[in-house]
Amino acid sequence: MFKRMLNSVWRHNPITRIVYAKAEKEIKLIALSLVLVLVCALPLMLNNLFQLVEPTPKFLVYLFAGGALLAHVGFLVGLSAMICKNYFR
């Protein structure tokens, strides 16, 4: 029963759905980049929403900045690859 529950969680995981979707790899890269931004921004948003720690820890700001930077790079790489694939091949 526990194995079935874990299997269900694995199948309904958003990351798993993106990776195993029947889409182009460029679209998957863009979608994973958007998920990365959400995951990196979530702790900072929750801290600001509920005022958990005052002042805001630098770690949360750096986590958001690094995640946003990586996600934007992934988005640009995915978009550039999609443009090259569709218009120059």
PDB file of N, CA and C in Angstrom:
ATOM      1  N   MET A   1       0.822  -1.186   0.000  1.00  0.00           N
ATOM      2  CA  MET A   1       0.000   0.000   0.000  1.00  0.00           C
ATOM      3  C   MET A   1       0.871   1.256   0.000  1.00  0.00           C
ATOM      4  N   PHE A   2       1.940   1.239   0.802  1.00  0.00           N
ATOM      5  CA  PHE A   2       2.839   2.383   0.849  1.00  0.00           C
ATOM      6  C   PHE A   2       3.519   2.593  -0.499  1.00  0.00           C
ATOM      7  N   LYS A   3       3.879   1.475  -1.153  1.00  0.00           N
ATOM      8  CA  LYS A   3       4.519   1.558  -2.460  1.00  0.00           C
ATOM      9  C   LYS A   3       3.559   2.149  -3.487  1.00  0.00           C
ATOM     10  N   ARG A   4       2.286   1.785  -3.425  1.00  0.00           N
ATOM     11  CA  ARG A   4       1.289   2.323  -4.340  1.00  0.00           C
ATOM     12  C   ARG A   4       1.112   3.828  -4.122  1.00  0.00           C
ATOM     13  N   MET A   5       1.134   4.251  -2.854  1.00  0.00           N
ATOM     14  CA  MET A   5       0.989   5.665  -2.555  1.00  0.00           C
ATOM     15  C   MET A   5       2.185   6.454  -3.102  1.00  0.00           C
ATOM     16  N   LEU A   6       3.394   5.927  -2.898  1.00  0.00           N
ATOM     17  CA  LEU A   6       4.576   6.602  -3.424  1.00  0.00           C
ATOM     18  C   LEU A   6       4.562   6.643  -4.944  1.00  0.00           C
ATOM     19  N   ASN A   7       4.086   5.584  -5.577  1.00  0.00           N
ATOM     20  CA  ASN A   7       3.980   5.566  -7.025  1.00  0.00           C
ATOM     21  C   ASN A   7       2.994   6.623  -7.503  1.00  0.00           C
ATOM     22  N   SER A   8       1.895   6.783  -6.794  1.00  0.00           N
ATOM     23  CA  SER A   8       0.908   7.793  -7.154  1.00  0.00           C
ATOM     24  C   SER A   8       1.487   9.196  -7.009  1.00  0.00           C
ATOM     25  N   VAL A   9       2.234   9.411  -5.926  1.00  0.00           N
ATOM     26  CA  VAL A   9       2.869  10.722  -5.732  1.00  0.00           C
ATOM     27  C   VAL A   9       3.880  10.979  -6.837  1.00  0.00           C
ATOM     28  N   TRP A  10       4.639   9.943  -7.215  1.00  0.00           N
ATOM     29  CA  TRP A  10       5.638  10.104  -8.262  1.00  0.00           C
ATOM     30  C   TRP A  10       4.980  10.447  -9.600  1.00  0.00           C
ATOM     31  N   ARG A  11       3.875   9.788  -9.932  1.00  0.00           N
ATOM     32  CA  ARG A  11       3.216  10.040 -11.213  1.00  0.00           C
ATOM     33  C   ARG A  11       2.565  11.411 -11.269  1.00  0.00           C
ATOM     34  N   HIS A  12       2.099  11.927 -10.144  1.00  0.00           N
ATOM     35  CA  HIS A  12       1.404  13.207 -10.141  1.00  0.00           C
ATOM     36  C   HIS A  12       2.320  14.370  -9.770  1.00  0.00           C
ATOM     37  N   ASN A  13       3.601  14.109  -9.657  1.00  0.00           N
ATOM     38  CA  ASN A  13       4.576  15.144  -9.370  1.00  0.00           C
ATOM     39  C   ASN A  13       4.702  16.057 -10.597  1.00  0.00           C
ATOM     40  N   PRO A  14       4.656  17.380 -10.437  1.00  0.00           N
ATOM     41  CA  PRO A  14       4.733  18.266 -11.603  1.00  0.00           C
ATOM     42  C   PRO A  14       6.045  18.140 -12.369  1.00  0.00           C
ATOM     43  N   ILE A  15       7.150  17.914 -11.673  1.00  0.00           N
ATOM     44  CA  ILE A  15       8.436  17.770 -12.357  1.00  0.00           C
ATOM     45  C   ILE A  15       8.423  16.517 -13.227  1.00  0.00           C
ATOM     46  N   THR A  16       7.905  15.421 -12.697  1.00  0.00           N
ATOM     47  CA  THR A  16       7.823  14.178 -13.458  1.00  0.00           C
ATOM     48  C   THR A  16       6.924  14.345 -14.671  1.00  0.00           C
ATOM     49  N   ARG A  17       5.829  15.043 -14.499  1.00  0.00           N
ATOM     50  CA  ARG A  17       4.928  15.258 -15.633  1.00  0.00           C
ATOM     51  C   ARG A  17       5.596  16.078 -16.728  1.00  0.00           C
ATOM     52  N   ILE A  18       6.406  17.052 -16.351  1.00  0.00           N
ATOM     53  CA  ILE A  18       7.104  17.859 -17.353  1.00  0.00           C
ATOM     54  C   ILE A  18       8.144  17.019 -18.073  1.00  0.00           C
ATOM     55  N   VAL A  19       8.930  16.257 -17.323  1.00  0.00           N
ATOM     56  CA  VAL A  19      10.026  15.487 -17.918  1.00  0.00           C
ATOM     57  C   VAL A  19       9.504  14.415 -18.866  1.00  0.00           C
ATOM     58  N   TYR A  20       8.413  13.731 -18.485  1.00  0.00           N
ATOM     59  CA  TYR A  20       7.898  12.641 -19.307  1.00  0.00           C
ATOM     60  C   TYR A  20       6.781  13.071 -20.257  1.00  0.00           C
ATOM     61  N   ALA A  21       6.557  14.358 -20.410  1.00  0.00           N
ATOM     62  CA  ALA A  21       5.506  14.835 -21.311  1.00  0.00           C
ATOM     63  C   ALA A  21       5.919  14.607 -22.764  1.00  0.00           C
ATOM     64  N   LYS A  22       4.912  14.503 -23.613  1.00  0.00           N
ATOM     65  CA  LYS A  22       5.171  14.335 -25.047  1.00  0.00           C
ATOM     66  C   LYS A  22       5.287  15.719 -25.680  1.00  0.00           C
ATOM     67  N   ALA A  23       6.390  16.384 -25.374  1.00  0.00           N
ATOM     68  CA  ALA A  23       6.635  17.726 -25.892  1.00  0.00           C
ATOM     69  C   ALA A  23       8.097  17.817 -26.314  1.00  0.00           C
ATOM     70  N   GLU A  24       8.403  18.875 -27.030  1.00  0.00           N
ATOM     71  CA  GLU A  24       9.781  19.083 -27.449  1.00  0.00           C
ATOM     72  C   GLU A  24      10.648  19.373 -26.233  1.00  0.00           C
ATOM     73  N   LYS A  25      11.932  19.039 -26.340  1.00  0.00           N
ATOM     74  CA  LYS A  25      12.811  19.237 -25.187  1.00  0.00           C
ATOM     75  C   LYS A  25      12.999  20.714 -24.862  1.00  0.00           C
ATOM     76  N   GLU A  26      12.850  21.580 -25.856  1.00  0.00           N
ATOM     77  CA  GLU A  26      12.964  23.011 -25.598  1.00  0.00           C
ATOM     78  C   GLU A  26      11.816  23.501 -24.719  1.00  0.00           C
ATOM     79  N   ILE A  27      10.615  23.008 -24.997  1.00  0.00           N
ATOM     80  CA  ILE A  27       9.444  23.370 -24.191  1.00  0.00           C
ATOM     81  C   ILE A  27       9.618  22.848 -22.768  1.00  0.00           C
ATOM     82  N   LYS A  28      10.161  21.642 -22.640  1.00  0.00           N
ATOM     83  CA  LYS A  28      10.396  21.077 -21.312  1.00  0.00           C
ATOM     84  C   LYS A  28      11.403  21.917 -20.530  1.00  0.00           C
ATOM     85  N   LEU A  29      12.448  22.394 -21.202  1.00  0.00           N
ATOM     86  CA  LEU A  29      13.451  23.223 -20.539  1.00  0.00           C
ATOM     87  C   LEU A  29      12.842  24.536 -20.058  1.00  0.00           C
ATOM     88  N   ILE A  30      11.995  25.134 -20.871  1.00  0.00           N
ATOM     89  CA  ILE A  30      11.327  26.374 -20.475  1.00  0.00           C
ATOM     90  C   ILE A  30      10.402  26.119 -19.288  1.00  0.00           C
ATOM     91  N   ALA A  31       9.654  25.028 -19.316  1.00  0.00           N
ATOM     92  CA  ALA A  31       8.743  24.711 -18.208  1.00  0.00           C
ATOM     93  C   ALA A  31       9.512  24.430 -16.923  1.00  0.00           C
ATOM     94  N   LEU A  32      10.621  23.703 -17.013  1.00  0.00           N
ATOM     95  CA  LEU A  32      11.428  23.436 -15.819  1.00  0.00           C
ATOM     96  C   LEU A  32      12.054  24.718 -15.276  1.00  0.00           C
ATOM     97  N   SER A  33      12.394  25.649 -16.156  1.00  0.00           N
ATOM     98  CA  SER A  33      12.920  26.935 -15.705  1.00  0.00           C
ATOM     99  C   SER A  33      11.870  27.719 -14.938  1.00  0.00           C
ATOM    100  N   LEU A  34      10.642  27.679 -15.410  1.00  0.00           N
ATOM    101  CA  LEU A  34       9.569  28.369 -14.695  1.00  0.00           C
ATOM    102  C   LEU A  34       9.300  27.731 -13.334  1.00  0.00           C
ATOM    103  N   VAL A  35       9.390  26.411 -13.259  1.00  0.00           N
ATOM    104  CA  VAL A  35       9.219  25.730 -11.975  1.00  0.00           C
ATOM    105  C   VAL A  35      10.365  26.102 -11.030  1.00  0.00           C
ATOM    106  N   LEU A  36      11.578  26.232 -11.561  1.00  0.00           N
ATOM    107  CA  LEU A  36      12.726  26.616 -10.741  1.00  0.00           C
ATOM    108  C   LEU A  36      12.531  28.001 -10.132  1.00  0.00           C
ATOM    109  N   VAL A  37      12.015  28.946 -10.910  1.00  0.00           N
ATOM    110  CA  VAL A  37      11.738  30.283 -10.372  1.00  0.00           C
ATOM    111  C   VAL A  37      10.719  30.196  -9.249  1.00  0.00           C
ATOM    112  N   LEU A  38       9.675  29.423  -9.447  1.00  0.00           N
ATOM    113  CA  LEU A  38       8.644  29.294  -8.420  1.00  0.00           C
ATOM    114  C   LEU A  38       9.206  28.679  -7.140  1.00  0.00           C
ATOM    115  N   VAL A  39       9.993  27.627  -7.281  1.00  0.00           N
ATOM    116  CA  VAL A  39      10.547  26.945  -6.105  1.00  0.00           C
ATOM    117  C   VAL A  39      11.528  27.849  -5.357  1.00  0.00           C
ATOM    118  N   CYS A  40      12.313  28.625  -6.088  1.00  0.00           N
ATOM    119  CA  CYS A  40      13.282  29.504  -5.430  1.00  0.00           C
ATOM    120  C   CYS A  40      12.621  30.739  -4.824  1.00  0.00           C
ATOM    121  N   ALA A  41      11.520  31.183  -5.374  1.00  0.00           N
ATOM    122  CA  ALA A  41      10.843  32.369  -4.847  1.00  0.00           C
ATOM    123  C   ALA A  41       9.901  32.033  -3.698  1.00  0.00           C
ATOM    124  N   LEU A  42       9.473  30.789  -3.598  1.00  0.00           N
ATOM    125  CA  LEU A  42       8.480  30.410  -2.590  1.00  0.00           C
ATOM    126  C   LEU A  42       8.917  30.697  -1.145  1.00  0.00           C
ATOM    127  N   PRO A  43      10.146  30.341  -0.715  1.00  0.00           N
ATOM    128  CA  PRO A  43      10.518  30.658   0.671  1.00  0.00           C
ATOM    129  C   PRO A  43      10.518  32.157   0.965  1.00  0.00           C
ATOM    130  N   LEU A  44      10.991  32.948   0.019  1.00  0.00           N
ATOM    131  CA  LEU A  44      11.005  34.398   0.213  1.00  0.00           C
ATOM    132  C   LEU A  44       9.590  34.958   0.263  1.00  0.00           C
ATOM    133  N   MET A  45       8.713  34.467  -0.606  1.00  0.00           N
ATOM    134  CA  MET A  45       7.326  34.937  -0.596  1.00  0.00           C
ATOM    135  C   MET A  45       6.627  34.560   0.703  1.00  0.00           C
ATOM    136  N   LEU A  46       6.842  33.332   1.177  1.00  0.00           N
ATOM    137  CA  LEU A  46       6.210  32.914   2.430  1.00  0.00           C
ATOM    138  C   LEU A  46       6.732  33.718   3.617  1.00  0.00           C
ATOM    139  N   ASN A  47       8.026  33.997   3.615  1.00  0.00           N
ATOM    140  CA  ASN A  47       8.592  34.797   4.702  1.00  0.00           C
ATOM    141  C   ASN A  47       8.013  36.211   4.692  1.00  0.00           C
ATOM    142  N   ASN A  48       7.885  36.803   3.523  1.00  0.00           N
ATOM    143  CA  ASN A  48       7.339  38.154   3.446  1.00  0.00           C
ATOM    144  C   ASN A  48       5.845  38.180   3.734  1.00  0.00           C
ATOM    145  N   LEU A  49       5.142  37.136   3.373  1.00  0.00           N
ATOM    146  CA  LEU A  49       3.700  37.096   3.585  1.00  0.00           C
ATOM    147  C   LEU A  49       3.350  36.948   5.058  1.00  0.00           C
ATOM    148  N   PHE A  50       4.023  36.040   5.744  1.00  0.00           N
ATOM    149  CA  PHE A  50       3.687  35.751   7.136  1.00  0.00           C
ATOM    150  C   PHE A  50       4.621  36.412   8.143  1.00  0.00           C
ATOM    151  N   GLN A  51       5.592  37.191   7.672  1.00  0.00           N
ATOM    152  CA  GLN A  51       6.550  37.873   8.554  1.00  0.00           C
ATOM    153  C   GLN A  51       7.178  36.897   9.548  1.00  0.00           C
ATOM    154  N   LEU A  52       7.696  35.786   9.032  1.00  0.00           N
ATOM    155  CA  LEU A  52       8.275  34.755   9.890  1.00  0.00           C
ATOM    156  C   LEU A  52       9.553  35.231  10.570  1.00  0.00           C
ATOM    157  N   VAL A  53      10.431  35.863   9.820  1.00  0.00           N
ATOM    158  CA  VAL A  53      11.687  36.368  10.367  1.00  0.00           C
ATOM    159  C   VAL A  53      11.830  37.815   9.922  1.00  0.00           C
ATOM    160  N   GLU A  54      12.129  38.681  10.867  1.00  0.00           N
ATOM    161  CA  GLU A  54      12.292  40.093  10.544  1.00  0.00           C
ATOM    162  C   GLU A  54      13.666  40.519  11.008  1.00  0.00           C
ATOM    163  N   PRO A  55      14.532  41.057  10.247  1.00  0.00           N
ATOM    164  CA  PRO A  55      14.473  41.336   8.815  1.00  0.00           C
ATOM    165  C   PRO A  55      14.662  40.058   7.993  1.00  0.00           C
ATOM    166  N   THR A  56      14.415  40.165   6.718  1.00  0.00           N
ATOM    167  CA  THR A  56      14.509  39.015   5.821  1.00  0.00           C
ATOM    168  C   THR A  56      15.947  38.492   5.779  1.00  0.00           C
ATOM    169  N   PRO A  57      16.145  37.185   5.983  1.00  0.00           N
ATOM    170  CA  PRO A  57      17.502  36.617   5.937  1.00  0.00           C
ATOM    171  C   PRO A  57      18.122  36.762   4.545  1.00  0.00           C
ATOM    172  N   LYS A  58      19.415  37.035   4.537  1.00  0.00           N
ATOM    173  CA  LYS A  58      20.120  37.197   3.264  1.00  0.00           C
ATOM    174  C   LYS A  58      20.104  35.908   2.454  1.00  0.00           C
ATOM    175  N   PHE A  59      20.087  34.774   3.153  1.00  0.00           N
ATOM    176  CA  PHE A  59      20.084  33.490   2.446  1.00  0.00           C
ATOM    177  C   PHE A  59      18.876  33.368   1.525  1.00  0.00           C
ATOM    178  N   LEU A  60      17.703  33.802   1.983  1.00  0.00           N
ATOM    179  CA  LEU A  60      16.503  33.711   1.148  1.00  0.00           C
ATOM    180  C   LEU A  60      16.616  34.614  -0.075  1.00  0.00           C
ATOM    181  N   VAL A  61      17.198  35.779   0.120  1.00  0.00           N
ATOM    182  CA  VAL A  61      17.374  36.699  -1.007  1.00  0.00           C
ATOM    183  C   VAL A  61      18.360  36.114  -2.015  1.00  0.00           C
ATOM    184  N   TYR A  62      19.469  35.551  -1.516  1.00  0.00           N
ATOM    185  CA  TYR A  62      20.455  34.949  -2.412  1.00  0.00           C
ATOM    186  C   TYR A  62      19.901  33.709  -3.112  1.00  0.00           C
ATOM    187  N   LEU A  63      19.098  32.937  -2.410  1.00  0.00           N
ATOM    188  CA  LEU A  63      18.462  31.768  -3.020  1.00  0.00           C
ATOM    189  C   LEU A  63      17.562  32.195  -4.173  1.00  0.00           C
ATOM    190  N   PHE A  64      16.757  33.215  -3.939  1.00  0.00           N
ATOM    191  CA  PHE A  64      15.876  33.710  -4.993  1.00  0.00           C
ATOM    192  C   PHE A  64      16.677  34.283  -6.160  1.00  0.00           C
ATOM    193  N   ALA A  65      17.708  35.067  -5.863  1.00  0.00           N
ATOM    194  CA  ALA A  65      18.504  35.679  -6.931  1.00  0.00           C
ATOM    195  C   ALA A  65      19.216  34.617  -7.768  1.00  0.00           C
ATOM    196  N   GLY A  66      19.818  33.630  -7.110  1.00  0.00           N
ATOM    197  CA  GLY A  66      20.506  32.566  -7.847  1.00  0.00           C
ATOM    198  C   GLY A  66      19.553  31.711  -8.660  1.00  0.00           C
ATOM    199  N   GLY A  67      18.417  31.369  -8.067  1.00  0.00           N
ATOM    200  CA  GLY A  67      17.425  30.575  -8.795  1.00  0.00           C
ATOM    201  C   GLY A  67      16.837  31.325  -9.971  1.00  0.00           C
ATOM    202  N   ALA A  68      16.578  32.616  -9.778  1.00  0.00           N
ATOM    203  CA  ALA A  68      16.041  33.420 -10.880  1.00  0.00           C
ATOM    204  C   ALA A  68      17.065  33.551 -12.003  1.00  0.00           C
ATOM    205  N   LEU A  69      18.334  33.713 -11.641  1.00  0.00           N
ATOM    206  CA  LEU A  69      19.383  33.810 -12.656  1.00  0.00           C
ATOM    207  C   LEU A  69      19.491  32.517 -13.460  1.00  0.00           C
ATOM    208  N   LEU A  70      19.538  31.379 -12.763  1.00  0.00           N
ATOM    209  CA  LEU A  70      19.606  30.091 -13.464  1.00  0.00           C
ATOM    210  C   LEU A  70      18.368  29.844 -14.321  1.00  0.00           C
ATOM    211  N   ALA A  71      17.214  30.207 -13.805  1.00  0.00           N
ATOM    212  CA  ALA A  71      15.980  29.990 -14.552  1.00  0.00           C
ATOM    213  C   ALA A  71      15.930  30.864 -15.798  1.00  0.00           C
ATOM    214  N   HIS A  72      16.398  32.096 -15.697  1.00  0.00           N
ATOM    215  CA  HIS A  72      16.408  32.952 -16.881  1.00  0.00           C
ATOM    216  C   HIS A  72      17.389  32.436 -17.930  1.00  0.00           C
ATOM    217  N   VAL A  73      18.517  31.920 -17.486  1.00  0.00           N
ATOM    218  CA  VAL A  73      19.465  31.318 -18.434  1.00  0.00           C
ATOM    219  C   VAL A  73      18.826  30.111 -19.111  1.00  0.00           C
ATOM    220  N   GLY A  74      18.165  29.258 -18.340  1.00  0.00           N
ATOM    221  CA  GLY A  74      17.480  28.101 -18.921  1.00  0.00           C
ATOM    222  C   GLY A  74      16.380  28.510 -19.882  1.00  0.00           C
ATOM    223  N   PHE A  75      15.642  29.560 -19.528  1.00  0.00           N
ATOM    224  CA  PHE A  75      14.581  30.050 -20.408  1.00  0.00           C
ATOM    225  C   PHE A  75      15.170  30.558 -21.722  1.00  0.00           C
ATOM    226  N   LEU A  76      16.250  31.332 -21.650  1.00  0.00           N
ATOM    227  CA  LEU A  76      16.866  31.859 -22.871  1.00  0.00           C
ATOM    228  C   LEU A  76      17.471  30.749 -23.725  1.00  0.00           C
ATOM    229  N   VAL A  77      18.078  29.759 -23.093  1.00  0.00           N
ATOM    230  CA  VAL A  77      18.635  28.634 -23.851  1.00  0.00           C
ATOM    231  C   VAL A  77      17.515  27.859 -24.536  1.00  0.00           C
ATOM    232  N   GLY A  78      16.430  27.591 -23.815  1.00  0.00           N
ATOM    233  CA  GLY A  78      15.298  26.880 -24.410  1.00  0.00           C
ATOM    234  C   GLY A  78      14.656  27.659 -25.542  1.00  0.00           C
ATOM    235  N   LEU A  79      14.487  28.963 -25.340  1.00  0.00           N
ATOM    236  CA  LEU A  79      13.888  29.799 -26.381  1.00  0.00           C
ATOM    237  C   LEU A  79      14.796  29.893 -27.604  1.00  0.00           C
ATOM    238  N   SER A  80      16.097  30.065 -27.379  1.00  0.00           N
ATOM    239  CA  SER A  80      17.045  30.130 -28.495  1.00  0.00           C
ATOM    240  C   SER A  80      17.098  28.808 -29.255  1.00  0.00           C
ATOM    241  N   ALA A  81      17.091  27.704 -28.534  1.00  0.00           N
ATOM    242  CA  ALA A  81      17.108  26.396 -29.192  1.00  0.00           C
ATOM    243  C   ALA A  81      15.839  26.177 -30.006  1.00  0.00           C
ATOM    244  N   MET A  82      14.710  26.642 -29.482  1.00  0.00           N
ATOM    245  CA  MET A  82      13.455  26.490 -30.215  1.00  0.00           C
ATOM    246  C   MET A  82      13.453  27.345 -31.483  1.00  0.00           C
ATOM    247  N   ILE A  83      13.964  28.557 -31.383  1.00  0.00           N
ATOM    248  CA  ILE A  83      14.028  29.430 -32.559  1.00  0.00           C
ATOM    249  C   ILE A  83      14.969  28.838 -33.597  1.00  0.00           C
ATOM    250  N   CYS A  84      16.141  28.369 -33.168  1.00  0.00           N
ATOM    251  CA  CYS A  84      17.093  27.766 -34.112  1.00  0.00           C
ATOM    252  C   CYS A  84      16.510  26.519 -34.764  1.00  0.00           C
ATOM    253  N   LYS A  85      15.817  25.719 -33.989  1.00  0.00           N
ATOM    254  CA  LYS A  85      15.253  24.480 -34.520  1.00  0.00           C
ATOM    255  C   LYS A  85      14.154  24.757 -35.537  1.00  0.00           C
ATOM    256  N   ASN A  86      13.298  25.719 -35.245  1.00  0.00           N
ATOM    257  CA  ASN A  86      12.142  25.951 -36.107  1.00  0.00           C
ATOM    258  C   ASN A  86      12.422  26.853 -37.299  1.00  0.00           C
ATOM    259  N   TYR A  87      13.413  27.727 -37.208  1.00  0.00           N
ATOM    260  CA  TYR A  87      13.620  28.687 -38.283  1.00  0.00           C
ATOM    261  C   TYR A  87      14.901  28.495 -39.073  1.00  0.00           C
ATOM    262  N   PHE A  88      15.873  27.792 -38.535  1.00  0.00           N
ATOM    263  CA  PHE A  88      17.152  27.679 -39.222  1.00  0.00           C
ATOM    264  C   PHE A  88      17.511  26.255 -39.609  1.00  0.00           C
ATOM    265  N   ARG A  89      16.587  25.323 -39.486  1.00  0.00           N
ATOM    266  CA  ARG A  89      16.860  23.948 -39.910  1.00  0.00           C
ATOM    267  C   ARG A  89      15.884  23.520 -40.955  1.00  0.00           C
TER     268      ARG A  89
END
